[in-house]
Amino acid sequence: LIAAKASTIVIAPLTGSPLYPIAGALFGFWKGFFLLIIGDMVGGSIAFWLSRFFGRGLAERLLGSGNEGLMSKALEMMGSVRGFFLARLGFITFPEVPAYAAGLSRIPFIPFLLIYTVVGALPTAVTTGIGAFLTHDNNSLIFTGVLIFGAVVSGVSILTFMNHVQKEVDKSAAREPEAID
């Protein structure tokens, strides 16, 4: 389970979503939770160091390239503890994105790993709890409510982070003097 979870971070297109409730169902809440946290820490650490060692080219191949100014600003923001915390919250359900991006930023490894793990513990607990819950009581209404709640939190987190980055890009653009023809 640890290796499977770690691989979903390192190999970005793989999704680890099914592993969370499966771990809760197979191992119970606490054992499943801790196995997944260890897998997240291993996978996040590998992604961080791959990105730090191989650089931006590898991260763009694994995550896709986008708006150059937006990516540069996001990486600059993630170089601080506060900025990485916001990024990790913003991509709470896509842990591979901040893991690879942090390797490209100036954030030291220990603060990265602590923030990465602590923020990731919330969705891990919820989804592992779903699996543990489903093995004891099959209440589909609660299960559906938790899934909807998770989708809403994920969407709001991503939009909040992207809005913050766009504001930083706009501030930078406003400070740059315009070229005179």
Protein backbone atom coordinates (compact mmCIF):
# COMPACT_ATOMS: atom_id res chain seq x y z
CA LEU A 1 0.00 0.00 0.00
CA ILE A 2 2.85 2.38 0.85
CA ALA A 3 4.56 1.75 -2.50
CA ALA A 4 1.28 2.06 -4.40
CA LYS A 5 0.49 5.38 -2.69
CA ALA A 6 4.00 6.74 -3.23
CA SER A 7 3.83 5.85 -6.93
CA THR A 8 0.65 7.91 -7.36
CA ILE A 9 2.64 10.99 -6.32
CA VAL A 10 5.78 10.25 -8.32
CA ILE A 11 3.92 9.23 -11.48
CA ALA A 12 1.61 12.24 -11.63
CA PRO A 13 -1.11 10.92 -13.99
CA LEU A 14 -1.86 8.04 -11.59
CA THR A 15 -4.60 8.75 -9.11
CA GLY A 16 -4.42 7.58 -5.54
CA SER A 17 -8.07 8.35 -4.78
CA PRO A 18 -9.27 4.73 -4.64
CA LEU A 19 -6.45 3.77 -2.27
CA TYR A 20 -7.80 5.89 0.61
CA PRO A 21 -11.15 4.17 1.17
CA ILE A 22 -9.62 0.79 0.27
CA ALA A 23 -6.99 1.26 2.99
CA GLY A 24 -9.69 2.15 5.51
CA ALA A 25 -11.75 -0.88 4.54
CA LEU A 26 -8.84 -3.33 4.52
CA PHE A 27 -6.76 -2.12 7.46
CA GLY A 28 -9.18 -0.10 9.56
CA PHE A 29 -8.95 3.63 10.10
CA TRP A 30 -5.72 4.08 12.06
CA LYS A 31 -3.52 1.52 10.34
CA GLY A 32 -4.81 2.56 6.89
CA PHE A 33 -4.33 6.24 7.76
CA PHE A 34 -0.71 5.80 8.87
CA LEU A 35 0.20 3.58 5.90
CA LEU A 36 -1.18 6.22 3.52
CA ILE A 37 0.60 9.06 5.34
CA ILE A 38 3.89 7.16 5.03
CA GLY A 39 3.17 6.57 1.31
CA ASP A 40 2.42 10.28 0.85
CA MET A 41 5.63 11.26 2.64
CA VAL A 42 7.73 8.85 0.56
CA GLY A 43 6.10 9.87 -2.73
CA GLY A 44 6.21 13.58 -1.91
CA SER A 45 9.87 13.34 -0.94
CA ILE A 46 10.77 11.50 -4.15
CA ALA A 47 8.88 14.05 -6.26
CA PHE A 48 10.54 16.94 -4.40
CA TRP A 49 14.05 15.56 -4.92
CA LEU A 50 13.43 14.51 -8.55
CA SER A 51 12.28 18.04 -9.29
CA ARG A 52 15.14 19.60 -7.35
CA PHE A 53 17.71 17.39 -9.09
CA PHE A 54 16.36 17.31 -12.66
CA GLY A 55 14.79 20.76 -12.65
CA ARG A 56 11.93 22.41 -14.40
CA GLY A 57 12.02 20.26 -17.56
CA LEU A 58 11.08 17.10 -15.68
CA ALA A 59 8.37 18.80 -13.63
CA GLU A 60 6.79 20.32 -16.75
CA ARG A 61 6.83 16.93 -18.52
CA LEU A 62 5.16 15.23 -15.56
CA LEU A 63 2.71 18.00 -14.66
CA GLY A 64 2.30 19.79 -17.99
CA SER A 65 3.54 23.25 -18.88
CA GLY A 66 1.33 26.27 -18.71
CA ASN A 67 1.46 30.03 -18.52
CA GLU A 68 5.14 30.86 -18.00
CA GLY A 69 4.51 34.01 -15.92
CA LEU A 70 1.96 32.26 -13.76
CA MET A 71 4.27 29.31 -13.13
CA SER A 72 7.23 31.54 -12.28
CA LYS A 73 5.13 33.56 -9.85
CA ALA A 74 3.68 30.43 -8.25
CA LEU A 75 7.19 29.00 -7.78
CA GLU A 76 8.40 32.28 -6.29
CA MET A 77 5.47 32.28 -3.88
CA MET A 78 6.08 28.63 -2.89
CA GLY A 79 9.66 29.45 -1.88
CA SER A 80 8.38 30.67 1.48
CA VAL A 81 6.77 28.59 4.20
CA ARG A 82 3.56 30.66 4.03
CA GLY A 83 3.45 30.47 0.24
CA PHE A 84 3.99 26.72 0.18
CA PHE A 85 1.33 26.29 2.86
CA LEU A 86 -1.15 28.19 0.65
CA ALA A 87 -0.13 26.15 -2.39
CA ARG A 88 -0.51 22.86 -0.52
CA LEU A 89 -3.95 23.94 0.67
CA GLY A 90 -4.84 25.07 -2.85
CA PHE A 91 -3.89 21.71 -4.30
CA ILE A 92 -5.01 19.64 -1.33
CA THR A 93 -6.45 16.89 -3.52
CA PHE A 94 -3.61 17.00 -6.07
CA PRO A 95 -0.54 16.41 -3.87
CA GLU A 96 1.83 15.76 -6.78
CA VAL A 97 1.55 19.37 -8.00
CA PRO A 98 2.95 21.07 -4.86
CA ALA A 99 5.47 18.24 -4.33
CA TYR A 100 7.10 18.72 -7.74
CA ALA A 101 6.71 22.51 -7.64
CA ALA A 102 8.33 22.77 -4.19
CA GLY A 103 11.42 21.05 -5.55
CA LEU A 104 11.75 23.91 -8.02
CA SER A 105 11.32 26.57 -5.35
CA ARG A 106 13.64 27.77 -2.58
CA ILE A 107 11.74 26.09 0.27
CA PRO A 108 13.96 23.81 2.39
CA PHE A 109 13.09 20.11 2.52
CA ILE A 110 12.10 19.81 6.22
CA PRO A 111 9.48 22.63 6.16
CA PHE A 112 8.23 21.22 2.83
CA LEU A 113 7.77 17.74 4.27
CA LEU A 114 6.09 18.96 7.46
CA ILE A 115 3.60 21.17 5.63
CA TYR A 116 3.05 18.58 2.91
CA THR A 117 2.27 15.87 5.47
CA VAL A 118 0.16 17.89 7.93
CA VAL A 119 -2.05 19.45 5.25
CA GLY A 120 -2.42 16.11 3.48
CA ALA A 121 -3.51 14.41 6.72
CA LEU A 122 -7.01 15.98 6.60
CA PRO A 123 -8.18 14.53 3.28
CA THR A 124 -6.38 11.28 4.12
CA ALA A 125 -8.31 11.02 7.38
CA VAL A 126 -11.66 11.80 5.73
CA THR A 127 -11.29 9.38 2.84
CA THR A 128 -9.73 6.61 4.93
CA GLY A 129 -12.59 7.09 7.36
CA ILE A 130 -15.05 6.61 4.51
CA GLY A 131 -13.57 3.20 3.74
CA ALA A 132 -13.56 2.20 7.39
CA PHE A 133 -17.13 3.48 7.76
CA LEU A 134 -18.38 1.59 4.70
CA THR A 135 -17.18 -1.71 6.10
CA HIS A 136 -19.30 -1.22 9.24
CA ASP A 137 -22.38 0.68 8.06
CA ASN A 138 -23.43 1.03 4.44
CA ASN A 139 -25.18 4.41 4.55
CA SER A 140 -24.92 5.73 0.99
CA LEU A 141 -26.47 9.13 1.88
CA ILE A 142 -23.59 9.97 4.25
CA PHE A 143 -21.06 8.63 1.73
CA THR A 144 -22.53 10.80 -1.06
CA GLY A 145 -22.54 13.86 1.22
CA VAL A 146 -18.88 13.37 2.11
CA LEU A 147 -17.95 13.01 -1.58
CA ILE A 148 -19.82 16.20 -2.51
CA PHE A 149 -18.22 18.05 0.40
CA GLY A 150 -14.78 16.86 -0.68
CA ALA A 151 -15.36 17.99 -4.27
CA VAL A 152 -16.50 21.44 -3.12
CA VAL A 153 -13.52 21.86 -0.75
CA SER A 154 -11.16 20.77 -3.52
CA GLY A 155 -12.62 23.21 -6.03
CA VAL A 156 -12.63 26.14 -3.59
CA SER A 157 -9.03 25.37 -2.52
CA ILE A 158 -7.74 25.36 -6.10
CA LEU A 159 -9.64 28.53 -7.04
CA THR A 160 -8.39 30.33 -3.92
CA PHE A 161 -4.77 29.45 -4.67
CA MET A 162 -5.02 30.37 -8.36
CA ASN A 163 -6.71 33.68 -7.45
CA HIS A 164 -3.86 34.46 -5.02
CA VAL A 165 -1.22 33.68 -7.66
CA GLN A 166 -3.05 35.77 -10.29
CA LYS A 167 -3.17 38.74 -7.89
CA GLU A 168 0.60 38.43 -7.39
CA VAL A 169 1.12 38.33 -11.18
CA ASP A 170 -1.08 41.41 -11.58
CA LYS A 171 0.87 43.26 -8.85
CA SER A 172 4.15 42.43 -10.59
CA ALA A 173 2.80 43.58 -13.94
CA ALA A 174 1.60 46.87 -12.43
CA ARG A 175 5.07 47.55 -10.98
CA GLU A 176 6.87 47.01 -14.30
CA PRO A 177 7.24 50.18 -16.37
CA GLU A 178 5.69 50.03 -19.83
CA ALA A 179 7.99 50.18 -22.83
CA ILE A 180 7.85 53.39 -24.87
CA ASP A 181 7.81 52.99 -28.64
